[in-house]
Amino acid sequence: MSRAAGAPFRDRLLRLPAFLRRGEGGTNGWSDQDLSDGFALTGLFLLRHVLEPRGQGHSDARDGFINAVTRHRAKAAVP
């Protein structure tokens, strides 16, 4: 969706991580915001198109993985 087409829905759209936007991903890694946005985007996709049709929700394993990645990045950022 283009920026102009999405403008009326801005408050309801998920942010597309920089690594998925053309020319903005860079090669020096992803920001914490990029990862958070990526997890939100994949989480919504999984929920709507994979889990809900099967009567399921997100697993504790996914939440644990996201928490582990977040903790690891926070620990690695401390000099």
Protein backbone atom coordinates (compact mmCIF):
# COMPACT_ATOMS: atom_id res chain seq x y z
CA MET A 1 0.00 0.00 0.00
CA SER A 2 1.35 3.42 -0.86
CA ARG A 3 1.74 6.10 1.79
CA ALA A 4 -1.02 8.18 0.17
CA ALA A 5 -3.46 5.27 -0.04
CA GLY A 6 -2.79 4.30 3.56
CA ALA A 7 -3.13 7.81 4.99
CA PRO A 8 -6.82 7.46 5.96
CA PHE A 9 -5.99 4.24 7.83
CA ARG A 10 -2.73 5.40 9.41
CA ASP A 11 -3.88 4.86 13.00
CA ARG A 12 -4.86 1.24 12.21
CA LEU A 13 -1.87 0.15 10.12
CA LEU A 14 1.13 -1.69 11.48
CA ARG A 15 4.50 -0.06 10.91
CA LEU A 16 6.56 -1.80 8.23
CA PRO A 17 10.06 -2.50 9.59
CA ALA A 18 12.91 -0.71 7.82
CA PHE A 19 14.41 -4.02 6.68
CA LEU A 20 11.25 -4.61 4.60
CA ARG A 21 11.19 -1.14 3.04
CA ARG A 22 13.16 -0.69 -0.15
CA GLY A 23 16.41 1.16 0.40
CA GLU A 24 15.97 1.62 4.15
CA GLY A 25 17.13 -1.66 5.67
CA GLY A 26 20.82 -0.99 5.82
CA THR A 27 23.44 -3.64 6.47
CA ASN A 28 24.39 -2.76 10.05
CA GLY A 29 21.62 -4.65 11.80
CA TRP A 30 18.10 -3.87 12.86
CA SER A 31 16.93 -1.46 15.50
CA ASP A 32 14.88 -2.59 18.48
CA GLN A 33 11.92 -0.78 16.90
CA ASP A 34 12.42 -2.70 13.63
CA LEU A 35 12.35 -6.02 15.48
CA SER A 36 9.30 -5.01 17.49
CA ASP A 37 7.51 -3.94 14.31
CA GLY A 38 8.51 -7.18 12.57
CA PHE A 39 7.23 -9.32 15.44
CA ALA A 40 3.94 -7.36 15.48
CA LEU A 41 3.51 -7.79 11.73
CA THR A 42 4.28 -11.52 11.70
CA GLY A 43 2.17 -12.00 14.83
CA LEU A 44 -0.88 -10.49 13.18
CA PHE A 45 -0.35 -12.56 10.02
CA LEU A 46 0.06 -15.78 11.99
CA LEU A 47 -2.97 -15.04 14.14
CA ARG A 48 -5.35 -14.15 11.30
CA HIS A 49 -4.24 -16.61 8.64
CA VAL A 50 -2.80 -19.59 10.50
CA LEU A 51 -3.89 -19.77 14.13
CA GLU A 52 -7.45 -18.37 14.30
CA PRO A 53 -8.72 -20.57 11.43
CA ARG A 54 -7.58 -23.53 13.52
CA GLY A 55 -9.10 -22.20 16.74
CA GLN A 56 -5.70 -21.42 18.25
CA GLY A 57 -3.86 -18.40 19.61
CA HIS A 58 -0.22 -17.43 19.97
CA SER A 59 1.85 -19.91 21.92
CA ASP A 60 3.88 -19.28 25.04
CA ALA A 61 6.90 -20.44 23.01
CA ARG A 62 6.55 -17.49 20.62
CA ASP A 63 6.23 -15.05 23.49
CA GLY A 64 9.24 -16.65 25.16
CA PHE A 65 11.28 -16.36 21.97
CA ILE A 66 10.43 -12.68 21.57
CA ASN A 67 11.30 -12.02 25.22
CA ALA A 68 14.60 -13.91 24.86
CA VAL A 69 15.58 -11.92 21.76
CA THR A 70 14.68 -8.66 23.51
CA ARG A 71 16.72 -9.58 26.62
CA HIS A 72 19.68 -10.71 24.52
CA ARG A 73 19.72 -7.46 22.54
CA ALA A 74 19.47 -5.40 25.74
CA LYS A 75 22.35 -7.33 27.30
CA ALA A 76 24.48 -7.01 24.14
CA ALA A 77 23.88 -3.25 24.04
CA VAL A 78 25.42 -2.71 27.49
CA PRO A 79 29.18 -2.00 27.15
